[in-house]
Amino acid sequence: MNRARVAKRLLALAKELTEPKKSPEDVVAEELISLAEALVAAEGDKCGPSGCIKKVKDGWGVMSGKTGKMWPQTYKSKQDAEDALKRYHGWGFKK
């Protein structure tokens, strides 16, 4: 997101906060969510809002957030796929 776009969004947010139809908290929360989604998209996360775990023909699979392609492995359960993704990223998980 370039500076001009950020500036336009900040101006729109400031205007909405000074003439609110919604509560200021709701306006700010919606804008933060929107900016976070834009940042994720700009960084190249291809998984989308539903996440990287997908139901596939033979079970469950993991989609690469960088390429948008499915890993070649399939997993018997959604939990197995989630655990594989956690191991890949080095996140802790309980067995």
N, C-alpha and C. Protein backbone atom coordinates (compact mmCIF):
# COMPACT_ATOMS: atom_id res chain seq x y z
N MET A 1 0.86 -1.17 0.00
CA MET A 1 0.00 0.00 0.00
C MET A 1 0.90 1.23 0.00
N ASN A 2 0.66 2.14 -0.93
CA ASN A 2 1.53 3.31 -1.01
C ASN A 2 1.07 4.42 -0.07
N ARG A 3 1.90 5.42 0.08
CA ARG A 3 1.62 6.51 1.03
C ARG A 3 0.36 7.29 0.70
N ALA A 4 0.14 7.54 -0.59
CA ALA A 4 -1.05 8.30 -0.99
C ALA A 4 -2.32 7.55 -0.60
N ARG A 5 -2.33 6.25 -0.79
CA ARG A 5 -3.51 5.45 -0.43
C ARG A 5 -3.73 5.46 1.07
N VAL A 6 -2.65 5.34 1.83
CA VAL A 6 -2.76 5.39 3.29
C VAL A 6 -3.29 6.74 3.73
N ALA A 7 -2.78 7.81 3.13
CA ALA A 7 -3.23 9.16 3.48
C ALA A 7 -4.72 9.34 3.19
N LYS A 8 -5.18 8.84 2.04
CA LYS A 8 -6.60 8.94 1.70
C LYS A 8 -7.46 8.17 2.71
N ARG A 9 -6.99 7.00 3.11
CA ARG A 9 -7.77 6.20 4.07
C ARG A 9 -7.80 6.87 5.44
N LEU A 10 -6.69 7.47 5.83
CA LEU A 10 -6.66 8.18 7.11
C LEU A 10 -7.60 9.39 7.08
N LEU A 11 -7.61 10.12 5.97
CA LEU A 11 -8.52 11.26 5.85
C LEU A 11 -9.99 10.81 5.90
N ALA A 12 -10.30 9.73 5.22
CA ALA A 12 -11.67 9.21 5.25
C ALA A 12 -12.05 8.75 6.65
N LEU A 13 -11.10 8.13 7.34
CA LEU A 13 -11.35 7.69 8.72
C LEU A 13 -11.58 8.89 9.63
N ALA A 14 -10.76 9.92 9.49
CA ALA A 14 -10.91 11.12 10.32
C ALA A 14 -12.26 11.78 10.07
N LYS A 15 -12.68 11.83 8.81
CA LYS A 15 -13.99 12.43 8.49
C LYS A 15 -15.12 11.60 9.10
N GLU A 16 -15.02 10.29 9.01
CA GLU A 16 -16.06 9.43 9.56
C GLU A 16 -16.13 9.53 11.08
N LEU A 17 -14.97 9.72 11.70
CA LEU A 17 -14.96 9.85 13.17
C LEU A 17 -15.55 11.18 13.63
N THR A 18 -15.44 12.23 12.79
CA THR A 18 -16.00 13.53 13.19
C THR A 18 -17.49 13.63 12.90
N GLU A 19 -17.99 12.80 11.97
CA GLU A 19 -19.41 12.76 11.65
C GLU A 19 -19.89 11.31 11.75
N PRO A 20 -19.86 10.74 12.94
CA PRO A 20 -20.11 9.29 13.05
C PRO A 20 -21.57 8.89 12.86
N LYS A 21 -21.77 7.84 12.10
CA LYS A 21 -23.05 7.17 12.02
C LYS A 21 -22.97 5.89 12.86
N LYS A 22 -21.75 5.47 13.11
CA LYS A 22 -21.46 4.32 13.96
C LYS A 22 -20.65 4.83 15.14
N SER A 23 -20.46 3.96 16.11
CA SER A 23 -19.62 4.38 17.23
C SER A 23 -18.17 4.51 16.76
N PRO A 24 -17.40 5.41 17.37
CA PRO A 24 -15.99 5.55 16.98
C PRO A 24 -15.21 4.25 17.09
N GLU A 25 -15.55 3.44 18.10
CA GLU A 25 -14.86 2.16 18.28
C GLU A 25 -15.10 1.23 17.09
N ASP A 26 -16.36 1.20 16.60
CA ASP A 26 -16.67 0.36 15.45
C ASP A 26 -15.95 0.83 14.20
N VAL A 27 -15.91 2.14 14.01
CA VAL A 27 -15.24 2.71 12.83
C VAL A 27 -13.76 2.34 12.85
N VAL A 28 -13.12 2.53 13.99
CA VAL A 28 -11.69 2.22 14.11
C VAL A 28 -11.44 0.72 13.94
N ALA A 29 -12.27 -0.10 14.55
CA ALA A 29 -12.10 -1.55 14.44
C ALA A 29 -12.22 -2.01 12.99
N GLU A 30 -13.21 -1.49 12.28
CA GLU A 30 -13.38 -1.86 10.88
C GLU A 30 -12.18 -1.44 10.04
N GLU A 31 -11.67 -0.26 10.30
CA GLU A 31 -10.52 0.22 9.53
C GLU A 31 -9.27 -0.58 9.85
N LEU A 32 -9.07 -0.93 11.11
CA LEU A 32 -7.92 -1.76 11.47
C LEU A 32 -7.98 -3.12 10.79
N ILE A 33 -9.16 -3.72 10.76
CA ILE A 33 -9.32 -5.00 10.08
C ILE A 33 -9.00 -4.85 8.60
N SER A 34 -9.53 -3.81 7.99
CA SER A 34 -9.29 -3.57 6.57
C SER A 34 -7.80 -3.37 6.27
N LEU A 35 -7.13 -2.58 7.10
CA LEU A 35 -5.69 -2.35 6.91
C LEU A 35 -4.89 -3.62 7.12
N ALA A 36 -5.27 -4.42 8.11
CA ALA A 36 -4.56 -5.69 8.36
C ALA A 36 -4.72 -6.63 7.18
N GLU A 37 -5.94 -6.71 6.63
CA GLU A 37 -6.16 -7.56 5.46
C GLU A 37 -5.35 -7.09 4.26
N ALA A 38 -5.26 -5.77 4.08
CA ALA A 38 -4.47 -5.21 2.98
C ALA A 38 -2.99 -5.52 3.17
N LEU A 39 -2.52 -5.45 4.40
CA LEU A 39 -1.11 -5.75 4.69
C LEU A 39 -0.81 -7.21 4.40
N VAL A 40 -1.68 -8.10 4.83
CA VAL A 40 -1.49 -9.53 4.57
C VAL A 40 -1.45 -9.77 3.07
N ALA A 41 -2.37 -9.17 2.34
CA ALA A 41 -2.40 -9.34 0.88
C ALA A 41 -1.13 -8.80 0.24
N ALA A 42 -0.64 -7.66 0.73
CA ALA A 42 0.57 -7.06 0.18
C ALA A 42 1.80 -7.91 0.45
N GLU A 43 1.79 -8.62 1.56
CA GLU A 43 2.92 -9.48 1.91
C GLU A 43 2.91 -10.78 1.13
N GLY A 44 1.82 -11.06 0.42
CA GLY A 44 1.80 -12.23 -0.44
C GLY A 44 1.14 -13.46 0.15
N ASP A 45 0.36 -13.34 1.20
CA ASP A 45 -0.31 -14.50 1.76
C ASP A 45 -1.43 -14.91 0.82
N LYS A 46 -1.31 -16.09 0.23
CA LYS A 46 -2.28 -16.55 -0.76
C LYS A 46 -3.42 -17.37 -0.15
N CYS A 47 -3.37 -17.62 1.15
CA CYS A 47 -4.36 -18.50 1.77
C CYS A 47 -5.73 -17.87 1.86
N GLY A 48 -5.80 -16.60 2.06
CA GLY A 48 -7.09 -15.95 2.19
C GLY A 48 -7.64 -16.05 3.59
N PRO A 49 -8.82 -15.50 3.81
CA PRO A 49 -9.38 -15.44 5.16
C PRO A 49 -9.75 -16.79 5.75
N SER A 50 -9.96 -17.82 4.90
CA SER A 50 -10.34 -19.12 5.43
C SER A 50 -9.15 -19.92 5.94
N GLY A 51 -7.93 -19.43 5.73
CA GLY A 51 -6.75 -20.12 6.23
C GLY A 51 -6.11 -21.04 5.20
N CYS A 52 -5.04 -21.71 5.61
CA CYS A 52 -4.26 -22.53 4.70
C CYS A 52 -4.64 -24.01 4.73
N ILE A 53 -5.53 -24.41 5.60
CA ILE A 53 -5.95 -25.80 5.68
C ILE A 53 -7.19 -25.95 4.81
N LYS A 54 -7.13 -26.87 3.84
CA LYS A 54 -8.22 -27.04 2.88
C LYS A 54 -8.65 -28.50 2.81
N LYS A 55 -9.94 -28.70 2.62
CA LYS A 55 -10.48 -30.04 2.39
C LYS A 55 -10.13 -30.43 0.96
N VAL A 56 -9.51 -31.60 0.80
CA VAL A 56 -9.17 -32.10 -0.54
C VAL A 56 -9.83 -33.46 -0.73
N LYS A 57 -9.73 -33.97 -1.92
CA LYS A 57 -10.39 -35.21 -2.30
C LYS A 57 -10.13 -36.36 -1.32
N ASP A 58 -8.89 -36.59 -0.97
CA ASP A 58 -8.51 -37.73 -0.14
C ASP A 58 -8.32 -37.41 1.34
N GLY A 59 -8.73 -36.24 1.79
CA GLY A 59 -8.56 -35.87 3.19
C GLY A 59 -8.40 -34.37 3.34
N TRP A 60 -7.30 -33.97 3.97
CA TRP A 60 -7.03 -32.56 4.23
C TRP A 60 -5.66 -32.21 3.69
N GLY A 61 -5.50 -30.97 3.24
CA GLY A 61 -4.23 -30.51 2.70
C GLY A 61 -3.86 -29.14 3.23
N VAL A 62 -2.63 -28.75 2.96
CA VAL A 62 -2.11 -27.45 3.37
C VAL A 62 -1.74 -26.66 2.12
N MET A 63 -2.23 -25.43 2.05
CA MET A 63 -1.90 -24.56 0.93
C MET A 63 -0.73 -23.65 1.33
N SER A 64 0.22 -23.50 0.43
CA SER A 64 1.35 -22.61 0.67
C SER A 64 0.87 -21.17 0.65
N GLY A 65 1.21 -20.43 1.69
CA GLY A 65 0.87 -19.02 1.74
C GLY A 65 1.67 -18.18 0.76
N LYS A 66 2.82 -18.70 0.31
CA LYS A 66 3.66 -17.96 -0.62
C LYS A 66 3.25 -18.18 -2.07
N THR A 67 3.00 -19.44 -2.43
CA THR A 67 2.73 -19.77 -3.83
C THR A 67 1.26 -19.98 -4.13
N GLY A 68 0.48 -20.30 -3.12
CA GLY A 68 -0.93 -20.61 -3.34
C GLY A 68 -1.15 -22.03 -3.82
N LYS A 69 -0.07 -22.83 -3.89
CA LYS A 69 -0.17 -24.22 -4.32
C LYS A 69 -0.31 -25.13 -3.11
N MET A 70 -0.98 -26.25 -3.32
CA MET A 70 -1.15 -27.23 -2.25
C MET A 70 0.14 -28.01 -2.05
N TRP A 71 0.43 -28.35 -0.78
CA TRP A 71 1.54 -29.25 -0.49
C TRP A 71 1.20 -30.61 -1.09
N PRO A 72 2.21 -31.41 -1.45
CA PRO A 72 1.91 -32.72 -2.04
C PRO A 72 1.32 -33.72 -1.03
N GLN A 73 1.55 -33.51 0.25
CA GLN A 73 1.05 -34.42 1.28
C GLN A 73 -0.44 -34.22 1.50
N THR A 74 -1.13 -35.30 1.85
CA THR A 74 -2.50 -35.20 2.32
C THR A 74 -2.55 -35.79 3.72
N TYR A 75 -3.49 -35.34 4.51
CA TYR A 75 -3.60 -35.75 5.90
C TYR A 75 -4.99 -36.33 6.16
N LYS A 76 -5.05 -37.28 7.08
CA LYS A 76 -6.31 -37.96 7.36
C LYS A 76 -7.32 -37.04 8.04
N SER A 77 -6.83 -36.13 8.85
CA SER A 77 -7.74 -35.25 9.58
C SER A 77 -7.28 -33.79 9.45
N LYS A 78 -8.22 -32.89 9.73
CA LYS A 78 -7.90 -31.47 9.72
C LYS A 78 -6.85 -31.17 10.78
N GLN A 79 -6.96 -31.82 11.94
CA GLN A 79 -5.99 -31.60 13.02
C GLN A 79 -4.58 -32.02 12.60
N ASP A 80 -4.46 -33.13 11.86
CA ASP A 80 -3.14 -33.56 11.37
C ASP A 80 -2.54 -32.50 10.44
N ALA A 81 -3.36 -31.93 9.57
CA ALA A 81 -2.88 -30.89 8.65
C ALA A 81 -2.47 -29.64 9.43
N GLU A 82 -3.27 -29.26 10.43
CA GLU A 82 -2.93 -28.10 11.26
C GLU A 82 -1.63 -28.33 12.01
N ASP A 83 -1.44 -29.55 12.54
CA ASP A 83 -0.19 -29.87 13.25
C ASP A 83 1.01 -29.81 12.31
N ALA A 84 0.86 -30.28 11.08
CA ALA A 84 1.95 -30.22 10.10
C ALA A 84 2.32 -28.76 9.81
N LEU A 85 1.31 -27.91 9.67
CA LEU A 85 1.57 -26.50 9.42
C LEU A 85 2.26 -25.85 10.61
N LYS A 86 1.85 -26.22 11.82
CA LYS A 86 2.49 -25.69 13.03
C LYS A 86 3.95 -26.12 13.09
N ARG A 87 4.22 -27.39 12.77
CA ARG A 87 5.61 -27.87 12.78
C ARG A 87 6.44 -27.12 11.74
N TYR A 88 5.87 -26.89 10.57
CA TYR A 88 6.58 -26.17 9.51
C TYR A 88 7.00 -24.78 9.99
N HIS A 89 6.09 -24.10 10.67
CA HIS A 89 6.38 -22.74 11.14
C HIS A 89 7.12 -22.71 12.48
N GLY A 90 7.29 -23.88 13.09
CA GLY A 90 8.00 -23.93 14.36
C GLY A 90 7.15 -23.48 15.53
N TRP A 91 5.81 -23.48 15.34
CA TRP A 91 4.92 -23.10 16.43
C TRP A 91 4.78 -24.27 17.38
N GLY A 92 4.65 -23.97 18.64
CA GLY A 92 4.43 -25.04 19.63
C GLY A 92 3.03 -25.60 19.52
N PHE A 93 2.90 -26.87 19.80
CA PHE A 93 1.57 -27.47 19.86
C PHE A 93 1.62 -28.65 20.81
N LYS A 94 0.45 -29.00 21.32
CA LYS A 94 0.36 -30.11 22.25
C LYS A 94 -0.02 -31.36 21.51
N LYS A 95 0.63 -32.46 21.88
CA LYS A 95 0.31 -33.74 21.24
C LYS A 95 -0.88 -34.37 21.93
